[in-house]
Amino acid sequence: MPNILIRNVNELVHARLTARAKAAGMSLQQFCMTELEKSAAAQSPEEAVADIRASLRDLVEAGQSGFGPNGAAGVVRELRGELPDA
């Protein structure tokens, strides 16, 4: 398994991480590994947007844009018709 060494950690950051590790009943190394794994597992906003765009592109290319034959405007018209006093 690869290793990561982080030098020159700010004293306040080190103290806070150490306190959080202790509160979690973990060593500092275990705590930092858990935090890094959580961070790596979460999508960045840029990654999420890229995934959404790719999914939408795939739907449009497959002719399944989700808006029906009249597009988004047709969905809005349909919703307006369902609203009272529209």
Protein backbone atom coordinates (compact mmCIF):
# COMPACT_ATOMS: atom_id res chain seq x y z
CA MET A 1 0.00 0.00 0.00
CA PRO A 2 1.45 3.43 -0.90
CA ASN A 3 2.36 5.98 1.75
CA ILE A 4 1.80 9.72 2.04
CA LEU A 5 4.07 11.88 4.15
CA ILE A 6 2.97 15.41 4.95
CA ARG A 7 5.65 17.72 6.29
CA ASN A 8 5.40 21.10 8.00
CA VAL A 9 1.83 20.71 9.24
CA ASN A 10 0.58 23.81 11.03
CA GLU A 11 0.61 23.25 14.81
CA LEU A 12 -3.05 24.24 15.19
CA VAL A 13 -4.10 21.85 12.41
CA HIS A 14 -2.08 19.05 14.01
CA ALA A 15 -3.59 19.73 17.45
CA ARG A 16 -7.15 19.76 16.08
CA LEU A 17 -6.67 16.55 14.11
CA THR A 18 -5.07 14.88 17.12
CA ALA A 19 -8.00 15.92 19.33
CA ARG A 20 -10.54 14.68 16.78
CA ALA A 21 -8.70 11.37 16.44
CA LYS A 22 -8.66 10.94 20.22
CA ALA A 23 -12.38 11.75 20.45
CA ALA A 24 -13.06 9.14 17.77
CA GLY A 25 -10.94 6.57 19.60
CA MET A 26 -8.48 6.37 16.73
CA SER A 27 -4.82 6.98 16.19
CA LEU A 28 -3.91 10.12 14.28
CA GLN A 29 -2.89 7.96 11.32
CA GLN A 30 -6.19 6.04 11.33
CA PHE A 31 -8.18 9.26 11.62
CA CYS A 32 -6.30 10.97 8.78
CA MET A 33 -6.65 7.88 6.57
CA THR A 34 -10.42 7.83 7.21
CA GLU A 35 -10.72 11.54 6.38
CA LEU A 36 -8.68 11.11 3.19
CA GLU A 37 -10.84 8.16 2.12
CA LYS A 38 -14.02 10.20 2.70
CA SER A 39 -12.59 13.09 0.72
CA ALA A 40 -11.52 10.87 -2.17
CA ALA A 41 -14.90 9.10 -2.27
CA ALA A 42 -16.90 12.34 -2.50
CA GLN A 43 -17.34 13.92 -5.91
CA SER A 44 -16.11 17.44 -6.42
CA PRO A 45 -18.71 19.86 -7.83
CA GLU A 46 -16.86 19.76 -11.15
CA GLU A 47 -17.00 15.95 -11.25
CA ALA A 48 -20.72 15.96 -10.40
CA VAL A 49 -21.49 18.47 -13.16
CA ALA A 50 -19.45 16.44 -15.67
CA ASP A 51 -21.37 13.27 -14.71
CA ILE A 52 -24.74 15.03 -15.03
CA ARG A 53 -23.78 16.50 -18.41
CA ALA A 54 -22.66 13.09 -19.65
CA SER A 55 -25.91 11.49 -18.47
CA LEU A 56 -28.01 14.18 -20.14
CA ARG A 57 -25.98 13.90 -23.33
CA ASP A 58 -26.56 10.12 -23.35
CA LEU A 59 -30.32 10.61 -22.86
CA VAL A 60 -30.56 13.18 -25.65
CA GLU A 61 -28.54 11.00 -28.02
CA ALA A 62 -30.87 8.10 -27.21
CA GLY A 63 -33.89 10.32 -27.90
CA GLN A 64 -34.95 10.24 -24.25
CA SER A 65 -34.43 13.79 -23.10
CA GLY A 66 -37.16 13.38 -20.50
CA PHE A 67 -39.17 16.35 -21.78
CA GLY A 68 -41.34 14.55 -24.30
CA PRO A 69 -42.00 15.60 -27.89
CA ASN A 70 -42.70 19.26 -27.01
CA GLY A 71 -39.53 19.81 -24.99
CA ALA A 72 -39.26 21.78 -21.77
CA ALA A 73 -41.81 24.36 -22.93
CA GLY A 74 -44.38 21.56 -23.32
CA VAL A 75 -43.75 20.44 -19.75
CA VAL A 76 -44.26 24.01 -18.48
CA ARG A 77 -47.51 24.36 -20.47
CA GLU A 78 -48.69 21.02 -19.11
CA LEU A 79 -47.93 22.04 -15.53
CA ARG A 80 -49.64 25.39 -15.97
CA GLY A 81 -52.77 23.57 -17.13
CA GLU A 82 -52.77 21.51 -13.96
CA LEU A 83 -52.54 24.52 -11.68
CA PRO A 84 -55.85 26.05 -10.44
CA ASP A 85 -56.71 29.46 -11.93
CA ALA A 86 -53.88 29.15 -14.45
